[in-house]
Amino acid sequence: MKGFLSFTVLAVLTLVHSCQAVYVQDGDLKFSLESVKKLKELMDENRYINRRMVVPMSSYSPCNEKDLPEEFQSVCKREDASMIFERLNLAVQDPDLCEICANAACAGCF
């Protein structure tokens, strides 16, 4: 019975943890961790034009990507969009650290 109770408590804690919304914040802007991970994926994939030439991140805009999560559309209208995208990309260099909120830009963790 004691083992079953321990398992139940663990299952509930896991469920509560998975229900917490982890987000990444840049100033007054907040974005879901999953969307920022997708942004990082897009930025990393499109950084290379060909195998010999690397494009500087400042000259690349994910706003032209069809797979850009909807919540970033308002950022695309801002003059500082490239800096915001760059900071968000840096915030999730190690997404595991963001999921446990070891990174100051990440919040909403259990």
PDB file of N, CA and C in Angstrom:
ATOM      1  N   MET A   1       0.823  -1.187   0.000  1.00  0.00           N
ATOM      2  CA  MET A   1       0.000   0.000   0.000  1.00  0.00           C
ATOM      3  C   MET A   1       0.873   1.260   0.000  1.00  0.00           C
ATOM      4  N   LYS A   2       1.958   1.238   0.797  1.00  0.00           N
ATOM      5  CA  LYS A   2       2.833   2.399   0.872  1.00  0.00           C
ATOM      6  C   LYS A   2       3.495   2.672  -0.482  1.00  0.00           C
ATOM      7  N   GLY A   3       3.882   1.620  -1.190  1.00  0.00           N
ATOM      8  CA  GLY A   3       4.494   1.770  -2.511  1.00  0.00           C
ATOM      9  C   GLY A   3       3.515   2.368  -3.506  1.00  0.00           C
ATOM     10  N   PHE A   4       2.249   1.952  -3.428  1.00  0.00           N
ATOM     11  CA  PHE A   4       1.227   2.490  -4.314  1.00  0.00           C
ATOM     12  C   PHE A   4       1.001   3.971  -4.046  1.00  0.00           C
ATOM     13  N   LEU A   5       0.994   4.359  -2.772  1.00  0.00           N
ATOM     14  CA  LEU A   5       0.806   5.756  -2.400  1.00  0.00           C
ATOM     15  C   LEU A   5       1.967   6.611  -2.917  1.00  0.00           C
ATOM     16  N   SER A   6       3.180   6.107  -2.789  1.00  0.00           N
ATOM     17  CA  SER A   6       4.349   6.834  -3.295  1.00  0.00           C
ATOM     18  C   SER A   6       4.265   7.015  -4.805  1.00  0.00           C
ATOM     19  N   PHE A   7       3.848   5.962  -5.506  1.00  0.00           N
ATOM     20  CA  PHE A   7       3.696   6.038  -6.954  1.00  0.00           C
ATOM     21  C   PHE A   7       2.628   7.056  -7.330  1.00  0.00           C
ATOM     22  N   THR A   8       1.529   7.086  -6.601  1.00  0.00           N
ATOM     23  CA  THR A   8       0.439   8.027  -6.871  1.00  0.00           C
ATOM     24  C   THR A   8       0.900   9.463  -6.677  1.00  0.00           C
ATOM     25  N   VAL A   9       1.632   9.723  -5.595  1.00  0.00           N
ATOM     26  CA  VAL A   9       2.147  11.075  -5.340  1.00  0.00           C
ATOM     27  C   VAL A   9       3.097  11.486  -6.456  1.00  0.00           C
ATOM     28  N   LEU A  10       3.982  10.582  -6.872  1.00  0.00           N
ATOM     29  CA  LEU A  10       4.910  10.866  -7.951  1.00  0.00           C
ATOM     30  C   LEU A  10       4.158  11.163  -9.254  1.00  0.00           C
ATOM     31  N   ALA A  11       3.133  10.385  -9.545  1.00  0.00           N
ATOM     32  CA  ALA A  11       2.344  10.587 -10.762  1.00  0.00           C
ATOM     33  C   ALA A  11       1.642  11.943 -10.746  1.00  0.00           C
ATOM     34  N   VAL A  12       1.100  12.327  -9.603  1.00  0.00           N
ATOM     35  CA  VAL A  12       0.417  13.622  -9.481  1.00  0.00           C
ATOM     36  C   VAL A  12       1.422  14.764  -9.641  1.00  0.00           C
ATOM     37  N   LEU A  13       2.582  14.658  -9.013  1.00  0.00           N
ATOM     38  CA  LEU A  13       3.599  15.693  -9.141  1.00  0.00           C
ATOM     39  C   LEU A  13       4.076  15.826 -10.580  1.00  0.00           C
ATOM     40  N   THR A  14       4.227  14.710 -11.256  1.00  0.00           N
ATOM     41  CA  THR A  14       4.636  14.730 -12.654  1.00  0.00           C
ATOM     42  C   THR A  14       3.570  15.412 -13.504  1.00  0.00           C
ATOM     43  N   LEU A  15       2.308  15.100 -13.251  1.00  0.00           N
ATOM     44  CA  LEU A  15       1.210  15.708 -13.986  1.00  0.00           C
ATOM     45  C   LEU A  15       1.157  17.213 -13.732  1.00  0.00           C
ATOM     46  N   VAL A  16       1.300  17.620 -12.485  1.00  0.00           N
ATOM     47  CA  VAL A  16       1.286  19.044 -12.149  1.00  0.00           C
ATOM     48  C   VAL A  16       2.442  19.746 -12.848  1.00  0.00           C
ATOM     49  N   HIS A  17       3.621  19.117 -12.824  1.00  0.00           N
ATOM     50  CA  HIS A  17       4.788  19.717 -13.470  1.00  0.00           C
ATOM     51  C   HIS A  17       4.565  19.870 -14.974  1.00  0.00           C
ATOM     52  N   SER A  18       3.987  18.859 -15.605  1.00  0.00           N
ATOM     53  CA  SER A  18       3.788  18.922 -17.048  1.00  0.00           C
ATOM     54  C   SER A  18       2.708  19.923 -17.429  1.00  0.00           C
ATOM     55  N   CYS A  19       1.858  20.305 -16.490  1.00  0.00           N
ATOM     56  CA  CYS A  19       0.811  21.284 -16.771  1.00  0.00           C
ATOM     57  C   CYS A  19       1.305  22.715 -16.618  1.00  0.00           C
ATOM     58  N   GLN A  20       2.445  22.888 -15.993  1.00  0.00           N
ATOM     59  CA  GLN A  20       2.978  24.231 -15.816  1.00  0.00           C
ATOM     60  C   GLN A  20       3.452  24.754 -17.161  1.00  0.00           C
ATOM     61  N   ALA A  21       3.118  25.982 -17.456  1.00  0.00           N
ATOM     62  CA  ALA A  21       3.516  26.587 -18.726  1.00  0.00           C
ATOM     63  C   ALA A  21       4.862  27.271 -18.555  1.00  0.00           C
ATOM     64  N   VAL A  22       5.869  26.718 -19.189  1.00  0.00           N
ATOM     65  CA  VAL A  22       7.193  27.335 -19.159  1.00  0.00           C
ATOM     66  C   VAL A  22       7.243  28.324 -20.309  1.00  0.00           C
ATOM     67  N   TYR A  23       7.700  29.513 -20.020  1.00  0.00           N
ATOM     68  CA  TYR A  23       7.791  30.526 -21.057  1.00  0.00           C
ATOM     69  C   TYR A  23       9.141  31.220 -20.984  1.00  0.00           C
ATOM     70  N   VAL A  24       9.483  31.858 -22.094  1.00  0.00           N
ATOM     71  CA  VAL A  24      10.734  32.598 -22.200  1.00  0.00           C
ATOM     72  C   VAL A  24      10.350  34.069 -22.324  1.00  0.00           C
ATOM     73  N   GLN A  25      11.019  34.893 -21.542  1.00  0.00           N
ATOM     74  CA  GLN A  25      10.679  36.307 -21.498  1.00  0.00           C
ATOM     75  C   GLN A  25      11.838  37.150 -22.017  1.00  0.00           C
ATOM     76  N   ASP A  26      11.485  38.142 -22.811  1.00  0.00           N
ATOM     77  CA  ASP A  26      12.456  39.124 -23.280  1.00  0.00           C
ATOM     78  C   ASP A  26      11.819  40.490 -23.034  1.00  0.00           C
ATOM     79  N   GLY A  27      12.266  41.157 -21.988  1.00  0.00           N
ATOM     80  CA  GLY A  27      11.638  42.422 -21.599  1.00  0.00           C
ATOM     81  C   GLY A  27      10.207  42.171 -21.174  1.00  0.00           C
ATOM     82  N   ASP A  28       9.260  42.847 -21.812  1.00  0.00           N
ATOM     83  CA  ASP A  28       7.850  42.652 -21.473  1.00  0.00           C
ATOM     84  C   ASP A  28       7.166  41.625 -22.370  1.00  0.00           C
ATOM     85  N   LEU A  29       7.930  40.971 -23.232  1.00  0.00           N
ATOM     86  CA  LEU A  29       7.390  39.958 -24.139  1.00  0.00           C
ATOM     87  C   LEU A  29       7.568  38.566 -23.546  1.00  0.00           C
ATOM     88  N   LYS A  30       6.529  37.726 -23.662  1.00  0.00           N
ATOM     89  CA  LYS A  30       6.599  36.345 -23.187  1.00  0.00           C
ATOM     90  C   LYS A  30       6.185  35.408 -24.311  1.00  0.00           C
ATOM     91  N   PHE A  31       6.939  34.319 -24.438  1.00  0.00           N
ATOM     92  CA  PHE A  31       6.662  33.335 -25.466  1.00  0.00           C
ATOM     93  C   PHE A  31       6.762  31.949 -24.864  1.00  0.00           C
ATOM     94  N   SER A  32       5.958  31.023 -25.361  1.00  0.00           N
ATOM     95  CA  SER A  32       6.020  29.654 -24.844  1.00  0.00           C
ATOM     96  C   SER A  32       7.376  29.046 -25.196  1.00  0.00           C
ATOM     97  N   LEU A  33       7.853  28.192 -24.304  1.00  0.00           N
ATOM     98  CA  LEU A  33       9.139  27.529 -24.528  1.00  0.00           C
ATOM     99  C   LEU A  33       9.116  26.732 -25.822  1.00  0.00           C
ATOM    100  N   GLU A  34       8.004  26.072 -26.107  1.00  0.00           N
ATOM    101  CA  GLU A  34       7.920  25.269 -27.325  1.00  0.00           C
ATOM    102  C   GLU A  34       8.060  26.137 -28.577  1.00  0.00           C
ATOM    103  N   SER A  35       7.452  27.322 -28.563  1.00  0.00           N
ATOM    104  CA  SER A  35       7.569  28.225 -29.714  1.00  0.00           C
ATOM    105  C   SER A  35       8.997  28.736 -29.872  1.00  0.00           C
ATOM    106  N   VAL A  36       9.649  29.026 -28.762  1.00  0.00           N
ATOM    107  CA  VAL A  36      11.031  29.514 -28.830  1.00  0.00           C
ATOM    108  C   VAL A  36      11.956  28.406 -29.314  1.00  0.00           C
ATOM    109  N   LYS A  37      11.682  27.175 -28.930  1.00  0.00           N
ATOM    110  CA  LYS A  37      12.472  26.050 -29.448  1.00  0.00           C
ATOM    111  C   LYS A  37      12.302  25.940 -30.964  1.00  0.00           C
ATOM    112  N   LYS A  38      11.069  26.128 -31.445  1.00  0.00           N
ATOM    113  CA  LYS A  38      10.802  26.078 -32.886  1.00  0.00           C
ATOM    114  C   LYS A  38      11.532  27.225 -33.592  1.00  0.00           C
ATOM    115  N   LEU A  39      11.527  28.414 -32.978  1.00  0.00           N
ATOM    116  CA  LEU A  39      12.256  29.555 -33.523  1.00  0.00           C
ATOM    117  C   LEU A  39      13.739  29.234 -33.649  1.00  0.00           C
ATOM    118  N   LYS A  40      14.310  28.656 -32.601  1.00  0.00           N
ATOM    119  CA  LYS A  40      15.731  28.288 -32.609  1.00  0.00           C
ATOM    120  C   LYS A  40      16.014  27.298 -33.738  1.00  0.00           C
ATOM    121  N   GLU A  41      15.136  26.341 -33.897  1.00  0.00           N
ATOM    122  CA  GLU A  41      15.274  25.347 -34.958  1.00  0.00           C
ATOM    123  C   GLU A  41      15.315  26.032 -36.330  1.00  0.00           C
ATOM    124  N   LEU A  42      14.373  26.948 -36.560  1.00  0.00           N
ATOM    125  CA  LEU A  42      14.327  27.680 -37.832  1.00  0.00           C
ATOM    126  C   LEU A  42      15.592  28.499 -38.040  1.00  0.00           C
ATOM    127  N   MET A  43      16.014  29.182 -36.998  1.00  0.00           N
ATOM    128  CA  MET A  43      17.202  30.031 -37.109  1.00  0.00           C
ATOM    129  C   MET A  43      18.457  29.200 -37.344  1.00  0.00           C
ATOM    130  N   ASP A  44      18.566  28.077 -36.664  1.00  0.00           N
ATOM    131  CA  ASP A  44      19.738  27.213 -36.845  1.00  0.00           C
ATOM    132  C   ASP A  44      19.765  26.594 -38.244  1.00  0.00           C
ATOM    133  N   GLU A  45      18.605  26.164 -38.734  1.00  0.00           N
ATOM    134  CA  GLU A  45      18.524  25.545 -40.060  1.00  0.00           C
ATOM    135  C   GLU A  45      18.880  26.534 -41.156  1.00  0.00           C
ATOM    136  N   ASN A  46      18.454  27.764 -41.015  1.00  0.00           N
ATOM    137  CA  ASN A  46      18.601  28.744 -42.080  1.00  0.00           C
ATOM    138  C   ASN A  46      19.827  29.627 -41.949  1.00  0.00           C
ATOM    139  N   ARG A  47      20.654  29.323 -41.007  1.00  0.00           N
ATOM    140  CA  ARG A  47      21.877  30.101 -40.839  1.00  0.00           C
ATOM    141  C   ARG A  47      22.874  29.795 -41.951  1.00  0.00           C
ATOM    142  N   TYR A  48      22.775  28.619 -42.505  1.00  0.00           N
ATOM    143  CA  TYR A  48      23.717  28.192 -43.548  1.00  0.00           C
ATOM    144  C   TYR A  48      23.085  28.328 -44.927  1.00  0.00           C
ATOM    145  N   ILE A  49      23.705  29.129 -45.783  1.00  0.00           N
ATOM    146  CA  ILE A  49      23.234  29.242 -47.171  1.00  0.00           C
ATOM    147  C   ILE A  49      23.805  28.077 -47.967  1.00  0.00           C
ATOM    148  N   ASN A  50      25.058  27.840 -47.782  1.00  0.00           N
ATOM    149  CA  ASN A  50      25.680  26.655 -48.361  1.00  0.00           C
ATOM    150  C   ASN A  50      26.761  26.197 -47.390  1.00  0.00           C
ATOM    151  N   ARG A  51      27.424  25.168 -47.714  1.00  0.00           N
ATOM    152  CA  ARG A  51      28.382  24.587 -46.772  1.00  0.00           C
ATOM    153  C   ARG A  51      29.601  25.469 -46.530  1.00  0.00           C
ATOM    154  N   ARG A  52      29.880  26.403 -47.418  1.00  0.00           N
ATOM    155  CA  ARG A  52      31.085  27.222 -47.283  1.00  0.00           C
ATOM    156  C   ARG A  52      30.825  28.592 -46.662  1.00  0.00           C
ATOM    157  N   MET A  53      29.582  29.019 -46.633  1.00  0.00           N
ATOM    158  CA  MET A  53      29.308  30.377 -46.177  1.00  0.00           C
ATOM    159  C   MET A  53      28.268  30.375 -45.057  1.00  0.00           C
ATOM    160  N   VAL A  54      28.588  30.994 -43.959  1.00  0.00           N
ATOM    161  CA  VAL A  54      27.665  31.110 -42.842  1.00  0.00           C
ATOM    162  C   VAL A  54      27.108  32.534 -42.850  1.00  0.00           C
ATOM    163  N   VAL A  55      25.791  32.630 -42.739  1.00  0.00           N
ATOM    164  CA  VAL A  55      25.135  33.939 -42.729  1.00  0.00           C
ATOM    165  C   VAL A  55      25.108  34.464 -41.307  1.00  0.00           C
ATOM    166  N   PRO A  56      25.500  35.715 -41.087  1.00  0.00           N
ATOM    167  CA  PRO A  56      25.395  36.283 -39.735  1.00  0.00           C
ATOM    168  C   PRO A  56      23.928  36.308 -39.306  1.00  0.00           C
ATOM    169  N   MET A  57      23.686  36.009 -38.032  1.00  0.00           N
ATOM    170  CA  MET A  57      22.319  35.958 -37.530  1.00  0.00           C
ATOM    171  C   MET A  57      21.615  37.302 -37.699  1.00  0.00           C
ATOM    172  N   SER A  58      22.342  38.394 -37.635  1.00  0.00           N
ATOM    173  CA  SER A  58      21.722  39.712 -37.742  1.00  0.00           C
ATOM    174  C   SER A  58      21.130  39.977 -39.123  1.00  0.00           C
ATOM    175  N   SER A  59      21.605  39.279 -40.162  1.00  0.00           N
ATOM    176  CA  SER A  59      21.074  39.494 -41.503  1.00  0.00           C
ATOM    177  C   SER A  59      19.953  38.516 -41.850  1.00  0.00           C
ATOM    178  N   TYR A  60      19.657  37.606 -40.987  1.00  0.00           N
ATOM    179  CA  TYR A  60      18.596  36.625 -41.223  1.00  0.00           C
ATOM    180  C   TYR A  60      17.348  37.003 -40.434  1.00  0.00           C
ATOM    181  N   SER A  61      16.189  36.912 -41.066  1.00  0.00           N
ATOM    182  CA  SER A  61      14.935  37.183 -40.369  1.00  0.00           C
ATOM    183  C   SER A  61      14.023  35.963 -40.465  1.00  0.00           C
ATOM    184  N   PRO A  62      13.649  35.396 -39.328  1.00  0.00           N
ATOM    185  CA  PRO A  62      12.734  34.254 -39.351  1.00  0.00           C
ATOM    186  C   PRO A  62      11.307  34.664 -39.729  1.00  0.00           C
ATOM    187  N   CYS A  63      11.053  35.957 -39.851  1.00  0.00           N
ATOM    188  CA  CYS A  63       9.706  36.447 -40.179  1.00  0.00           C
ATOM    189  C   CYS A  63       9.237  35.961 -41.544  1.00  0.00           C
ATOM    190  N   ASN A  64      10.164  35.614 -42.417  1.00  0.00           N
ATOM    191  CA  ASN A  64       9.809  35.136 -43.754  1.00  0.00           C
ATOM    192  C   ASN A  64       9.528  33.634 -43.790  1.00  0.00           C
ATOM    193  N   GLU A  65       9.724  32.969 -42.662  1.00  0.00           N
ATOM    194  CA  GLU A  65       9.536  31.516 -42.608  1.00  0.00           C
ATOM    195  C   GLU A  65       8.056  31.173 -42.436  1.00  0.00           C
ATOM    196  N   LYS A  66       7.568  30.252 -43.257  1.00  0.00           N
ATOM    197  CA  LYS A  66       6.156  29.853 -43.148  1.00  0.00           C
ATOM    198  C   LYS A  66       5.877  29.074 -41.868  1.00  0.00           C
ATOM    199  N   ASP A  67       6.906  28.462 -41.283  1.00  0.00           N
ATOM    200  CA  ASP A  67       6.727  27.662 -40.066  1.00  0.00           C
ATOM    201  C   ASP A  67       6.938  28.460 -38.782  1.00  0.00           C
ATOM    202  N   LEU A  68       7.119  29.783 -38.900  1.00  0.00           N
ATOM    203  CA  LEU A  68       7.306  30.604 -37.708  1.00  0.00           C
ATOM    204  C   LEU A  68       6.031  30.580 -36.881  1.00  0.00           C
ATOM    205  N   PRO A  69       6.134  30.234 -35.585  1.00  0.00           N
ATOM    206  CA  PRO A  69       4.932  30.217 -34.738  1.00  0.00           C
ATOM    207  C   PRO A  69       4.210  31.567 -34.737  1.00  0.00           C
ATOM    208  N   GLU A  70       2.908  31.514 -34.739  1.00  0.00           N
ATOM    209  CA  GLU A  70       2.038  32.693 -34.821  1.00  0.00           C
ATOM    210  C   GLU A  70       2.352  33.747 -33.770  1.00  0.00           C
ATOM    211  N   GLU A  71       2.742  33.309 -32.571  1.00  0.00           N
ATOM    212  CA  GLU A  71       2.955  34.280 -31.497  1.00  0.00           C
ATOM    213  C   GLU A  71       4.124  35.233 -31.760  1.00  0.00           C
ATOM    214  N   PHE A  72       4.926  34.974 -32.792  1.00  0.00           N
ATOM    215  CA  PHE A  72       6.037  35.862 -33.128  1.00  0.00           C
ATOM    216  C   PHE A  72       5.672  36.911 -34.179  1.00  0.00           C
ATOM    217  N   GLN A  73       4.475  36.859 -34.716  1.00  0.00           N
ATOM    218  CA  GLN A  73       4.084  37.801 -35.768  1.00  0.00           C
ATOM    219  C   GLN A  73       4.152  39.255 -35.295  1.00  0.00           C
ATOM    220  N   SER A  74       3.797  39.503 -34.032  1.00  0.00           N
ATOM    221  CA  SER A  74       3.859  40.880 -33.522  1.00  0.00           C
ATOM    222  C   SER A  74       5.310  41.364 -33.415  1.00  0.00           C
ATOM    223  N   VAL A  75       6.230  40.447 -33.148  1.00  0.00           N
ATOM    224  CA  VAL A  75       7.652  40.808 -33.065  1.00  0.00           C
ATOM    225  C   VAL A  75       8.162  41.218 -34.444  1.00  0.00           C
ATOM    226  N   CYS A  76       7.680  40.551 -35.480  1.00  0.00           N
ATOM    227  CA  CYS A  76       8.132  40.848 -36.843  1.00  0.00           C
ATOM    228  C   CYS A  76       7.832  42.287 -37.251  1.00  0.00           C
ATOM    229  N   LYS A  77       6.866  42.903 -36.624  1.00  0.00           N
ATOM    230  CA  LYS A  77       6.492  44.286 -36.950  1.00  0.00           C
ATOM    231  C   LYS A  77       7.359  45.314 -36.230  1.00  0.00           C
ATOM    232  N   ARG A  78       8.191  44.858 -35.329  1.00  0.00           N
ATOM    233  CA  ARG A  78       9.031  45.767 -34.531  1.00  0.00           C
ATOM    234  C   ARG A  78      10.372  46.022 -35.217  1.00  0.00           C
ATOM    235  N   GLU A  79      10.925  47.195 -34.970  1.00  0.00           N
ATOM    236  CA  GLU A  79      12.242  47.537 -35.534  1.00  0.00           C
ATOM    237  C   GLU A  79      13.362  46.717 -34.908  1.00  0.00           C
ATOM    238  N   ASP A  80      13.173  46.323 -33.645  1.00  0.00           N
ATOM    239  CA  ASP A  80      14.202  45.561 -32.941  1.00  0.00           C
ATOM    240  C   ASP A  80      13.981  44.052 -33.013  1.00  0.00           C
ATOM    241  N   ALA A  81      13.217  43.601 -34.007  1.00  0.00           N
ATOM    242  CA  ALA A  81      12.877  42.181 -34.133  1.00  0.00           C
ATOM    243  C   ALA A  81      14.113  41.286 -34.179  1.00  0.00           C
ATOM    244  N   SER A  82      15.115  41.668 -34.965  1.00  0.00           N
ATOM    245  CA  SER A  82      16.292  40.794 -35.095  1.00  0.00           C
ATOM    246  C   SER A  82      17.004  40.620 -33.752  1.00  0.00           C
ATOM    247  N   MET A  83      17.062  41.684 -32.952  1.00  0.00           N
ATOM    248  CA  MET A  83      17.703  41.576 -31.631  1.00  0.00           C
ATOM    249  C   MET A  83      16.873  40.694 -30.698  1.00  0.00           C
ATOM    250  N   ILE A  84      15.552  40.811 -30.756  1.00  0.00           N
ATOM    251  CA  ILE A  84      14.679  39.988 -29.914  1.00  0.00           C
ATOM    252  C   ILE A  84      14.847  38.521 -30.280  1.00  0.00           C
ATOM    253  N   PHE A  85      14.816  38.225 -31.576  1.00  0.00           N
ATOM    254  CA  PHE A  85      14.979  36.836 -32.018  1.00  0.00           C
ATOM    255  C   PHE A  85      16.339  36.286 -31.611  1.00  0.00           C
ATOM    256  N   GLU A  86      17.357  37.099 -31.710  1.00  0.00           N
ATOM    257  CA  GLU A  86      18.699  36.653 -31.326  1.00  0.00           C
ATOM    258  C   GLU A  86      18.769  36.338 -29.826  1.00  0.00           C
ATOM    259  N   ARG A  87      18.167  37.206 -28.995  1.00  0.00           N
ATOM    260  CA  ARG A  87      18.173  36.963 -27.546  1.00  0.00           C
ATOM    261  C   ARG A  87      17.364  35.719 -27.190  1.00  0.00           C
ATOM    262  N   LEU A  88      16.227  35.519 -27.853  1.00  0.00           N
ATOM    263  CA  LEU A  88      15.426  34.320 -27.591  1.00  0.00           C
ATOM    264  C   LEU A  88      16.194  33.073 -27.996  1.00  0.00           C
ATOM    265  N   ASN A  89      16.880  33.140 -29.112  1.00  0.00           N
ATOM    266  CA  ASN A  89      17.691  32.020 -29.571  1.00  0.00           C
ATOM    267  C   ASN A  89      18.780  31.688 -28.550  1.00  0.00           C
ATOM    268  N   LEU A  90      19.421  32.712 -28.019  1.00  0.00           N
ATOM    269  CA  LEU A  90      20.461  32.503 -27.000  1.00  0.00           C
ATOM    270  C   LEU A  90      19.884  31.930 -25.709  1.00  0.00           C
ATOM    271  N   ALA A  91      18.658  32.330 -25.374  1.00  0.00           N
ATOM    272  CA  ALA A  91      18.042  31.867 -24.125  1.00  0.00           C
ATOM    273  C   ALA A  91      17.812  30.360 -24.119  1.00  0.00           C
ATOM    274  N   VAL A  92      17.641  29.770 -25.299  1.00  0.00           N
ATOM    275  CA  VAL A  92      17.371  28.333 -25.355  1.00  0.00           C
ATOM    276  C   VAL A  92      18.509  27.552 -26.007  1.00  0.00           C
ATOM    277  N   GLN A  93      19.728  28.054 -25.866  1.00  0.00           N
ATOM    278  CA  GLN A  93      20.876  27.298 -26.375  1.00  0.00           C
ATOM    279  C   GLN A  93      20.912  25.909 -25.745  1.00  0.00           C
ATOM    280  N   ASP A  94      20.561  25.835 -24.486  1.00  0.00           N
ATOM    281  CA  ASP A  94      20.405  24.551 -23.805  1.00  0.00           C
ATOM    282  C   ASP A  94      18.983  24.518 -23.247  1.00  0.00           C
ATOM    283  N   PRO A  95      18.013  23.972 -24.021  1.00  0.00           N
ATOM    284  CA  PRO A  95      16.614  24.012 -23.612  1.00  0.00           C
ATOM    285  C   PRO A  95      16.337  23.312 -22.278  1.00  0.00           C
ATOM    286  N   ASP A  96      17.180  22.355 -21.903  1.00  0.00           N
ATOM    287  CA  ASP A  96      16.982  21.682 -20.619  1.00  0.00           C
ATOM    288  C   ASP A  96      17.135  22.663 -19.463  1.00  0.00           C
ATOM    289  N   LEU A  97      18.079  23.603 -19.581  1.00  0.00           N
ATOM    290  CA  LEU A  97      18.257  24.606 -18.538  1.00  0.00           C
ATOM    291  C   LEU A  97      17.049  25.519 -18.451  1.00  0.00           C
ATOM    292  N   CYS A  98      16.407  25.755 -19.577  1.00  0.00           N
ATOM    293  CA  CYS A  98      15.218  26.609 -19.574  1.00  0.00           C
ATOM    294  C   CYS A  98      14.049  25.872 -18.926  1.00  0.00           C
ATOM    295  N   GLU A  99      13.931  24.591 -19.198  1.00  0.00           N
ATOM    296  CA  GLU A  99      12.825  23.820 -18.650  1.00  0.00           C
ATOM    297  C   GLU A  99      12.870  23.742 -17.129  1.00  0.00           C
ATOM    298  N   ILE A 100      14.052  23.829 -16.549  1.00  0.00           N
ATOM    299  CA  ILE A 100      14.136  23.826 -15.082  1.00  0.00           C
ATOM    300  C   ILE A 100      14.360  25.232 -14.543  1.00  0.00           C
ATOM    301  N   CYS A 101      14.221  26.217 -15.432  1.00  0.00           N
ATOM    302  CA  CYS A 101      14.347  27.639 -15.072  1.00  0.00           C
ATOM    303  C   CYS A 101      15.696  28.004 -14.488  1.00  0.00           C
ATOM    304  N   ALA A 102      16.745  27.363 -14.957  1.00  0.00           N
ATOM    305  CA  ALA A 102      18.094  27.749 -14.535  1.00  0.00           C
ATOM    306  C   ALA A 102      18.532  28.997 -15.284  1.00  0.00           C
ATOM    307  N   ASN A 103      17.861  29.295 -16.396  1.00  0.00           N
ATOM    308  CA  ASN A 103      18.154  30.473 -17.189  1.00  0.00           C
ATOM    309  C   ASN A 103      17.210  31.592 -16.725  1.00  0.00           C
ATOM    310  N   ALA A 104      17.704  32.776 -16.487  1.00  0.00           N
ATOM    311  CA  ALA A 104      16.900  33.885 -15.990  1.00  0.00           C
ATOM    312  C   ALA A 104      15.799  34.295 -16.946  1.00  0.00           C
ATOM    313  N   ALA A 105      15.941  34.022 -18.233  1.00  0.00           N
ATOM    314  CA  ALA A 105      14.919  34.399 -19.203  1.00  0.00           C
ATOM    315  C   ALA A 105      13.711  33.474 -19.156  1.00  0.00           C
ATOM    316  N   CYS A 106      13.850  32.340 -18.495  1.00  0.00           N
ATOM    317  CA  CYS A 106      12.775  31.344 -18.466  1.00  0.00           C
ATOM    318  C   CYS A 106      12.027  31.403 -17.145  1.00  0.00           C
ATOM    319  N   ALA A 107      10.731  31.224 -17.206  1.00  0.00           N
ATOM    320  CA  ALA A 107       9.916  31.269 -15.995  1.00  0.00           C
ATOM    321  C   ALA A 107       8.705  30.357 -16.161  1.00  0.00           C
ATOM    322  N   GLY A 108       7.955  30.213 -15.094  1.00  0.00           N
ATOM    323  CA  GLY A 108       6.760  29.383 -15.110  1.00  0.00           C
ATOM    324  C   GLY A 108       7.029  27.947 -14.752  1.00  0.00           C
ATOM    325  N   CYS A 109       8.217  27.656 -14.231  1.00  0.00           N
ATOM    326  CA  CYS A 109       8.589  26.292 -13.891  1.00  0.00           C
ATOM    327  C   CYS A 109       8.007  25.906 -12.538  1.00  0.00           C
ATOM    328  N   PHE A 110       7.902  24.605 -12.334  1.00  0.00           N
ATOM    329  CA  PHE A 110       7.399  24.057 -11.063  1.00  0.00           C
ATOM    330  C   PHE A 110       8.489  24.066 -10.044  1.00  0.00           C
TER     331      PHE A 110
END
